[in-house]
Amino acid sequence: MPGPLPALALKHRELLKFAVVGGTSFLVDNAVFYGLKLTVLEPKPVTAKVIAVLVATIVSYVLNREWSFRTRGGRERHHEAALFFLVSGVGLVLSSVPLWISRYVFLLETPEVSLVTQEIADFMSAQVIGTLIAMVFRFWAFRKWVFPDEEAHPGRVRLAPAPKPKDEAA
């Protein structure tokens, strides 16, 4: 007997898929950010963050287009991609601003603070606060402007609730 949890998951499957894509993109973002920040871009953490977000955005577009919002669309692919990257550009700014404020307004960088404090501040501002702000904006903007028409691709498989047995329908 299906319970409320599967029904809730089915109802919000687009949001759940977006969250999985977001989690994957978050891992890509972190790997690239720390890979650059701890090596070739050590003195330029904001540049490292921008590059990391760009790489994660490309991954995000492919996964969102082909999985999260696969039944949406209604636009030509190049127009949709341009809107996706425009919205993601705004998300890039939103995700970078907290790190910029942490480093250059609050001066949470060495030698003003310890290396441990700097790294915790970088993680919290860039990877937590910035990511959450950008995520909320992108989900709203993707549904509103990039992939606006639900059921735009009716030939694609979409799960529907199972029909009720005849003895329950009466």
C-alpha atoms as a PDB file:
ATOM      1  CA  MET A   1       0.000   0.000   0.000  1.00  0.00           C
ATOM      2  CA  PRO A   2       1.614   3.298  -1.072  1.00  0.00           C
ATOM      3  CA  GLY A   3       2.183   5.710   1.778  1.00  0.00           C
ATOM      4  CA  PRO A   4       2.423   9.489   1.876  1.00  0.00           C
ATOM      5  CA  LEU A   5       6.208   9.539   1.342  1.00  0.00           C
ATOM      6  CA  PRO A   6       6.194   7.971  -2.165  1.00  0.00           C
ATOM      7  CA  ALA A   7       3.280  10.205  -3.149  1.00  0.00           C
ATOM      8  CA  LEU A   8       5.139  13.268  -1.878  1.00  0.00           C
ATOM      9  CA  ALA A   9       8.309  12.201  -3.722  1.00  0.00           C
ATOM     10  CA  LEU A  10       6.321  11.673  -6.933  1.00  0.00           C
ATOM     11  CA  LYS A  11       4.668  15.058  -6.581  1.00  0.00           C
ATOM     12  CA  HIS A  12       8.010  16.794  -6.056  1.00  0.00           C
ATOM     13  CA  ARG A  13      10.155  14.595  -8.309  1.00  0.00           C
ATOM     14  CA  GLU A  14      11.417  17.579 -10.279  1.00  0.00           C
ATOM     15  CA  LEU A  15      12.671  19.248  -7.097  1.00  0.00           C
ATOM     16  CA  LEU A  16      14.247  15.981  -5.902  1.00  0.00           C
ATOM     17  CA  LYS A  17      16.014  15.474  -9.237  1.00  0.00           C
ATOM     18  CA  PHE A  18      17.182  19.109  -9.129  1.00  0.00           C
ATOM     19  CA  ALA A  19      18.569  18.430  -5.640  1.00  0.00           C
ATOM     20  CA  VAL A  20      20.481  15.345  -6.841  1.00  0.00           C
ATOM     21  CA  VAL A  21      21.922  17.323  -9.760  1.00  0.00           C
ATOM     22  CA  GLY A  22      22.735  20.105  -7.309  1.00  0.00           C
ATOM     23  CA  GLY A  23      24.528  17.657  -5.021  1.00  0.00           C
ATOM     24  CA  THR A  24      26.552  16.324  -7.929  1.00  0.00           C
ATOM     25  CA  SER A  25      27.385  19.841  -9.078  1.00  0.00           C
ATOM     26  CA  PHE A  26      28.290  20.759  -5.486  1.00  0.00           C
ATOM     27  CA  LEU A  27      30.834  17.920  -5.405  1.00  0.00           C
ATOM     28  CA  VAL A  28      32.281  19.019  -8.766  1.00  0.00           C
ATOM     29  CA  ASP A  29      32.380  22.631  -7.540  1.00  0.00           C
ATOM     30  CA  ASN A  30      34.195  21.648  -4.325  1.00  0.00           C
ATOM     31  CA  ALA A  31      36.709  19.417  -6.094  1.00  0.00           C
ATOM     32  CA  VAL A  32      37.621  22.077  -8.643  1.00  0.00           C
ATOM     33  CA  PHE A  33      37.536  24.941  -6.099  1.00  0.00           C
ATOM     34  CA  TYR A  34      39.832  23.264  -3.596  1.00  0.00           C
ATOM     35  CA  GLY A  35      41.988  21.732  -6.321  1.00  0.00           C
ATOM     36  CA  LEU A  36      42.702  25.209  -7.701  1.00  0.00           C
ATOM     37  CA  LYS A  37      42.674  27.118  -4.397  1.00  0.00           C
ATOM     38  CA  LEU A  38      45.200  24.816  -2.783  1.00  0.00           C
ATOM     39  CA  THR A  39      47.533  24.761  -5.814  1.00  0.00           C
ATOM     40  CA  VAL A  40      47.853  27.134  -8.776  1.00  0.00           C
ATOM     41  CA  LEU A  41      45.325  29.744  -7.605  1.00  0.00           C
ATOM     42  CA  GLU A  42      46.248  29.848  -3.914  1.00  0.00           C
ATOM     43  CA  PRO A  43      46.483  33.672  -3.829  1.00  0.00           C
ATOM     44  CA  LYS A  44      43.246  34.070  -5.840  1.00  0.00           C
ATOM     45  CA  PRO A  45      40.406  32.207  -4.103  1.00  0.00           C
ATOM     46  CA  VAL A  46      37.638  34.172  -5.826  1.00  0.00           C
ATOM     47  CA  THR A  47      39.087  33.302  -9.251  1.00  0.00           C
ATOM     48  CA  ALA A  48      39.247  29.656  -8.175  1.00  0.00           C
ATOM     49  CA  LYS A  49      35.582  29.869  -7.108  1.00  0.00           C
ATOM     50  CA  VAL A  50      34.503  31.410 -10.417  1.00  0.00           C
ATOM     51  CA  ILE A  51      36.273  28.680 -12.429  1.00  0.00           C
ATOM     52  CA  ALA A  52      34.810  25.969 -10.181  1.00  0.00           C
ATOM     53  CA  VAL A  53      31.294  27.328 -10.627  1.00  0.00           C
ATOM     54  CA  LEU A  54      31.738  27.490 -14.405  1.00  0.00           C
ATOM     55  CA  VAL A  55      32.783  23.824 -14.570  1.00  0.00           C
ATOM     56  CA  ALA A  56      29.963  22.792 -12.234  1.00  0.00           C
ATOM     57  CA  THR A  57      27.496  24.824 -14.324  1.00  0.00           C
ATOM     58  CA  ILE A  58      28.349  22.874 -17.468  1.00  0.00           C
ATOM     59  CA  VAL A  59      27.793  19.609 -15.587  1.00  0.00           C
ATOM     60  CA  SER A  60      24.559  21.030 -14.174  1.00  0.00           C
ATOM     61  CA  TYR A  61      23.204  22.038 -17.588  1.00  0.00           C
ATOM     62  CA  VAL A  62      23.705  18.601 -19.077  1.00  0.00           C
ATOM     63  CA  LEU A  63      22.161  16.802 -16.082  1.00  0.00           C
ATOM     64  CA  ASN A  64      19.252  19.229 -15.681  1.00  0.00           C
ATOM     65  CA  ARG A  65      18.446  19.244 -19.409  1.00  0.00           C
ATOM     66  CA  GLU A  66      18.591  15.487 -19.754  1.00  0.00           C
ATOM     67  CA  TRP A  67      17.137  14.437 -16.392  1.00  0.00           C
ATOM     68  CA  SER A  68      15.662  17.006 -13.972  1.00  0.00           C
ATOM     69  CA  PHE A  69      13.675  19.048 -16.486  1.00  0.00           C
ATOM     70  CA  ARG A  70      13.584  16.574 -19.357  1.00  0.00           C
ATOM     71  CA  THR A  71       9.811  16.920 -19.883  1.00  0.00           C
ATOM     72  CA  ARG A  72      10.026  20.712 -19.874  1.00  0.00           C
ATOM     73  CA  GLY A  73      11.312  23.041 -22.498  1.00  0.00           C
ATOM     74  CA  GLY A  74       9.351  24.682 -25.247  1.00  0.00           C
ATOM     75  CA  ARG A  75      12.364  26.620 -26.533  1.00  0.00           C
ATOM     76  CA  GLU A  76      14.977  26.002 -29.180  1.00  0.00           C
ATOM     77  CA  ARG A  77      18.003  24.293 -27.650  1.00  0.00           C
ATOM     78  CA  HIS A  78      20.421  27.195 -28.255  1.00  0.00           C
ATOM     79  CA  HIS A  79      17.956  29.688 -26.722  1.00  0.00           C
ATOM     80  CA  GLU A  80      17.415  27.398 -23.748  1.00  0.00           C
ATOM     81  CA  ALA A  81      21.187  26.957 -23.257  1.00  0.00           C
ATOM     82  CA  ALA A  82      21.760  30.726 -23.477  1.00  0.00           C
ATOM     83  CA  LEU A  83      19.078  31.338 -20.828  1.00  0.00           C
ATOM     84  CA  PHE A  84      20.498  28.551 -18.652  1.00  0.00           C
ATOM     85  CA  PHE A  85      23.975  30.073 -18.708  1.00  0.00           C
ATOM     86  CA  LEU A  86      22.595  33.592 -18.166  1.00  0.00           C
ATOM     87  CA  VAL A  87      20.658  32.433 -15.089  1.00  0.00           C
ATOM     88  CA  SER A  88      23.716  30.463 -13.978  1.00  0.00           C
ATOM     89  CA  GLY A  89      25.832  33.605 -14.420  1.00  0.00           C
ATOM     90  CA  VAL A  90      23.594  35.389 -11.950  1.00  0.00           C
ATOM     91  CA  GLY A  91      23.947  32.309  -9.715  1.00  0.00           C
ATOM     92  CA  LEU A  92      27.728  32.575 -10.086  1.00  0.00           C
ATOM     93  CA  VAL A  93      27.660  36.151  -8.811  1.00  0.00           C
ATOM     94  CA  LEU A  94      25.298  35.196  -5.974  1.00  0.00           C
ATOM     95  CA  SER A  95      27.522  32.279  -4.930  1.00  0.00           C
ATOM     96  CA  SER A  96      30.746  34.361  -5.082  1.00  0.00           C
ATOM     97  CA  VAL A  97      29.543  37.443  -3.197  1.00  0.00           C
ATOM     98  CA  PRO A  98      29.590  35.835   0.287  1.00  0.00           C
ATOM     99  CA  LEU A  99      33.211  34.696  -0.257  1.00  0.00           C
ATOM    100  CA  TRP A 100      34.191  38.152  -1.490  1.00  0.00           C
ATOM    101  CA  ILE A 101      32.549  39.750   1.569  1.00  0.00           C
ATOM    102  CA  SER A 102      34.222  37.236   3.900  1.00  0.00           C
ATOM    103  CA  ARG A 103      37.671  37.849   2.440  1.00  0.00           C
ATOM    104  CA  TYR A 104      37.655  41.527   1.521  1.00  0.00           C
ATOM    105  CA  VAL A 105      35.082  43.168   3.819  1.00  0.00           C
ATOM    106  CA  PHE A 106      35.480  41.099   6.996  1.00  0.00           C
ATOM    107  CA  LEU A 107      39.199  40.426   6.223  1.00  0.00           C
ATOM    108  CA  LEU A 108      38.888  36.751   7.184  1.00  0.00           C
ATOM    109  CA  GLU A 109      42.187  35.835   5.563  1.00  0.00           C
ATOM    110  CA  THR A 110      45.745  35.263   6.704  1.00  0.00           C
ATOM    111  CA  PRO A 111      47.607  37.054   8.302  1.00  0.00           C
ATOM    112  CA  GLU A 112      44.599  38.807   9.926  1.00  0.00           C
ATOM    113  CA  VAL A 113      43.229  35.425  11.071  1.00  0.00           C
ATOM    114  CA  SER A 114      44.648  31.927  11.385  1.00  0.00           C
ATOM    115  CA  LEU A 115      44.725  29.597   8.386  1.00  0.00           C
ATOM    116  CA  VAL A 116      42.092  27.377  10.049  1.00  0.00           C
ATOM    117  CA  THR A 117      39.764  30.375  10.541  1.00  0.00           C
ATOM    118  CA  GLN A 118      40.324  31.457   6.941  1.00  0.00           C
ATOM    119  CA  GLU A 119      39.500  27.993   5.584  1.00  0.00           C
ATOM    120  CA  ILE A 120      36.366  27.645   7.730  1.00  0.00           C
ATOM    121  CA  ALA A 121      35.224  31.133   6.668  1.00  0.00           C
ATOM    122  CA  ASP A 122      35.904  30.298   3.002  1.00  0.00           C
ATOM    123  CA  PHE A 123      33.945  27.052   3.221  1.00  0.00           C
ATOM    124  CA  MET A 124      30.989  28.582   5.054  1.00  0.00           C
ATOM    125  CA  SER A 125      30.762  31.670   2.850  1.00  0.00           C
ATOM    126  CA  ALA A 126      31.462  30.092  -0.544  1.00  0.00           C
ATOM    127  CA  GLN A 127      30.327  26.503  -0.267  1.00  0.00           C
ATOM    128  CA  VAL A 128      27.403  26.813   2.155  1.00  0.00           C
ATOM    129  CA  ILE A 129      25.917  30.322   2.139  1.00  0.00           C
ATOM    130  CA  GLY A 130      26.748  31.150  -1.474  1.00  0.00           C
ATOM    131  CA  THR A 131      25.597  27.779  -2.754  1.00  0.00           C
ATOM    132  CA  LEU A 132      22.269  27.936  -0.887  1.00  0.00           C
ATOM    133  CA  ILE A 133      21.477  31.463  -2.096  1.00  0.00           C
ATOM    134  CA  ALA A 134      22.336  30.562  -5.690  1.00  0.00           C
ATOM    135  CA  MET A 135      20.444  27.244  -5.527  1.00  0.00           C
ATOM    136  CA  VAL A 136      17.156  28.838  -4.493  1.00  0.00           C
ATOM    137  CA  PHE A 137      17.490  31.478  -7.196  1.00  0.00           C
ATOM    138  CA  ARG A 138      18.402  28.951  -9.921  1.00  0.00           C
ATOM    139  CA  PHE A 139      15.552  26.514  -9.173  1.00  0.00           C
ATOM    140  CA  TRP A 140      13.037  29.353  -9.375  1.00  0.00           C
ATOM    141  CA  ALA A 141      14.615  30.891 -12.500  1.00  0.00           C
ATOM    142  CA  PHE A 142      15.063  27.579 -14.344  1.00  0.00           C
ATOM    143  CA  ARG A 143      11.386  26.721 -13.915  1.00  0.00           C
ATOM    144  CA  LYS A 144      10.238  30.249 -14.757  1.00  0.00           C
ATOM    145  CA  TRP A 145      12.442  31.115 -17.744  1.00  0.00           C
ATOM    146  CA  VAL A 146      14.709  28.294 -18.921  1.00  0.00           C
ATOM    147  CA  PHE A 147      12.403  25.260 -18.823  1.00  0.00           C
ATOM    148  CA  PRO A 148       8.994  26.974 -18.522  1.00  0.00           C
ATOM    149  CA  ASP A 149       6.613  24.627 -20.288  1.00  0.00           C
ATOM    150  CA  GLU A 150       5.804  21.477 -18.387  1.00  0.00           C
ATOM    151  CA  GLU A 151       4.980  18.609 -20.739  1.00  0.00           C
ATOM    152  CA  ALA A 152       6.735  20.400 -23.629  1.00  0.00           C
ATOM    153  CA  HIS A 153       8.267  17.060 -24.585  1.00  0.00           C
ATOM    154  CA  PRO A 154       5.297  14.678 -24.275  1.00  0.00           C
ATOM    155  CA  GLY A 155       7.088  11.810 -26.041  1.00  0.00           C
ATOM    156  CA  ARG A 156       9.500  11.446 -23.146  1.00  0.00           C
ATOM    157  CA  VAL A 157       8.729   8.937 -20.427  1.00  0.00           C
ATOM    158  CA  ARG A 158       7.192  10.469 -17.332  1.00  0.00           C
ATOM    159  CA  LEU A 159       6.096   8.484 -14.292  1.00  0.00           C
ATOM    160  CA  ALA A 160       2.473   8.767 -13.307  1.00  0.00           C
ATOM    161  CA  PRO A 161       0.724   7.578 -10.170  1.00  0.00           C
ATOM    162  CA  ALA A 162      -0.452   3.979 -10.422  1.00  0.00           C
ATOM    163  CA  PRO A 163      -4.200   3.594 -10.964  1.00  0.00           C
ATOM    164  CA  LYS A 164      -6.224   2.526  -7.948  1.00  0.00           C
ATOM    165  CA  PRO A 165      -7.498  -1.062  -7.898  1.00  0.00           C
ATOM    166  CA  LYS A 166     -11.165  -1.384  -8.830  1.00  0.00           C
ATOM    167  CA  ASP A 167     -12.188  -2.605  -5.372  1.00  0.00           C
ATOM    168  CA  GLU A 168     -10.772   0.617  -3.788  1.00  0.00           C
ATOM    169  CA  ALA A 169     -12.373   2.913  -6.379  1.00  0.00           C
ATOM    170  CA  ALA A 170     -15.909   2.079  -5.262  1.00  0.00           C
END
